[in-house]
Protein backbone atom coordinates (compact mmCIF):
# COMPACT_ATOMS: atom_id res chain seq x y z
CA MET A 1 -88.29 81.26 -179.39
CA ARG A 2 -86.46 84.18 -177.97
CA GLN A 3 -86.02 82.24 -174.56
CA ARG A 4 -84.28 79.44 -176.44
CA GLU A 5 -81.88 81.91 -178.04
CA TYR A 6 -81.23 83.41 -174.71
CA CYS A 7 -80.60 80.06 -173.14
CA GLY A 8 -78.21 79.09 -175.99
CA ALA A 9 -76.35 82.34 -175.36
CA LEU A 10 -75.95 81.57 -171.71
CA GLN A 11 -74.72 78.08 -172.44
CA ASN A 12 -72.21 79.47 -174.91
CA GLU A 13 -71.00 81.92 -172.24
CA ARG A 14 -70.69 79.10 -169.64
CA ALA A 15 -68.68 77.06 -172.16
CA VAL A 16 -66.32 79.98 -172.76
CA VAL A 17 -65.76 80.38 -169.03
CA GLN A 18 -65.30 76.66 -168.34
CA LEU A 19 -62.93 76.06 -171.25
CA GLY A 20 -61.00 79.19 -170.52
CA LEU A 21 -61.53 80.62 -173.94
CA LYS A 22 -61.13 84.33 -174.50
CA LYS A 23 -63.91 86.34 -176.09
CA LYS A 24 -63.17 88.25 -179.16
CA GLU A 25 -62.84 91.91 -178.25
CA PRO A 26 -64.35 94.48 -180.56
CA ASN A 27 -61.92 96.00 -183.05
CA LEU A 28 -61.73 99.52 -181.50
CA ALA A 29 -59.24 102.24 -182.40
CA LYS A 30 -56.03 102.00 -180.45
CA LYS A 31 -54.80 104.98 -178.38
CA LYS A 32 -51.51 106.47 -179.25
CA LYS A 33 -48.86 105.84 -176.66
CA VAL A 34 -47.84 109.10 -175.00
CA VAL A 35 -44.16 109.88 -175.38
CA ARG A 36 -42.77 112.45 -173.05
CA ARG A 37 -39.57 114.10 -173.82
CA ALA A 38 -37.47 115.94 -171.32
CA TRP A 39 -36.83 119.69 -171.83
CA THR A 40 -33.19 120.22 -172.92
CA LYS A 41 -31.18 123.37 -172.34
CA ASP A 42 -31.48 124.18 -176.00
CA ASP A 43 -35.23 123.83 -175.95
CA LEU A 44 -35.42 126.21 -172.95
CA ARG A 45 -33.07 128.65 -174.57
CA LEU A 46 -35.11 128.64 -177.74
CA LEU A 47 -38.39 129.12 -175.77
CA LYS A 48 -37.07 132.10 -173.91
CA SER A 49 -35.55 133.74 -177.00
CA MET A 50 -38.74 133.27 -179.10
CA ALA A 51 -40.91 134.48 -176.18
CA LYS A 52 -38.68 137.56 -175.89
CA ASP A 53 -39.08 138.29 -179.62
CA LYS A 54 -42.94 138.14 -179.01
CA LYS A 55 -43.47 135.02 -181.27
CA GLY A 56 -46.79 133.27 -180.76
CA VAL A 57 -47.15 130.16 -178.78
CA THR A 58 -48.10 128.22 -181.90
CA LYS A 59 -44.93 129.19 -183.70
CA ILE A 60 -42.88 128.38 -180.71
CA ALA A 61 -44.59 125.01 -180.32
CA LYS A 62 -43.90 124.19 -183.94
CA ALA A 63 -40.24 125.08 -183.69
CA LEU A 64 -39.88 122.90 -180.56
CA LYS A 65 -42.04 120.06 -181.97
CA ARG A 66 -44.24 120.18 -178.97
CA THR A 67 -47.85 120.90 -178.22
CA THR A 68 -49.00 124.41 -177.54
CA ARG A 69 -50.22 123.29 -174.13
CA ALA A 70 -46.77 122.04 -173.17
CA VAL A 71 -45.11 125.21 -174.18
CA GLU A 72 -47.64 127.32 -172.24
CA ASN A 73 -47.14 125.18 -169.17
CA LYS A 74 -43.37 125.45 -169.42
CA GLY A 75 -43.45 129.11 -169.93
CA TYR A 76 -45.64 129.49 -166.89
CA LYS A 77 -43.31 127.35 -164.73
CA LEU A 78 -40.33 129.44 -165.84
CA GLY A 79 -42.11 132.68 -165.46
CA VAL A 80 -41.71 133.61 -169.08
CA SER A 81 -44.41 135.82 -170.54
CA LEU A 82 -45.78 134.35 -173.74
CA ASP A 83 -47.86 137.39 -174.46
CA THR A 84 -47.62 138.60 -178.06
CA ARG A 85 -48.79 142.08 -177.44
CA GLY A 86 -46.24 144.93 -177.42
């Protein structure tokens, strides 16, 4: 019985290929499209001033509406210390 089911599945597969039909893809969660924003002069000014005032990376990221990782990377590239210790 299983062999018949397997043969039937193969025939269906061939029919799909021959007729050019598309298989239904599983309904998976869709990835978010990554939107990258350029750093403006105002963003950089705010980043530097908040870093100088020893604000945390999380607070800076929320103020800039960016991820903490983006703020850390930009601070590193600019040579700005994001250390909150005195």
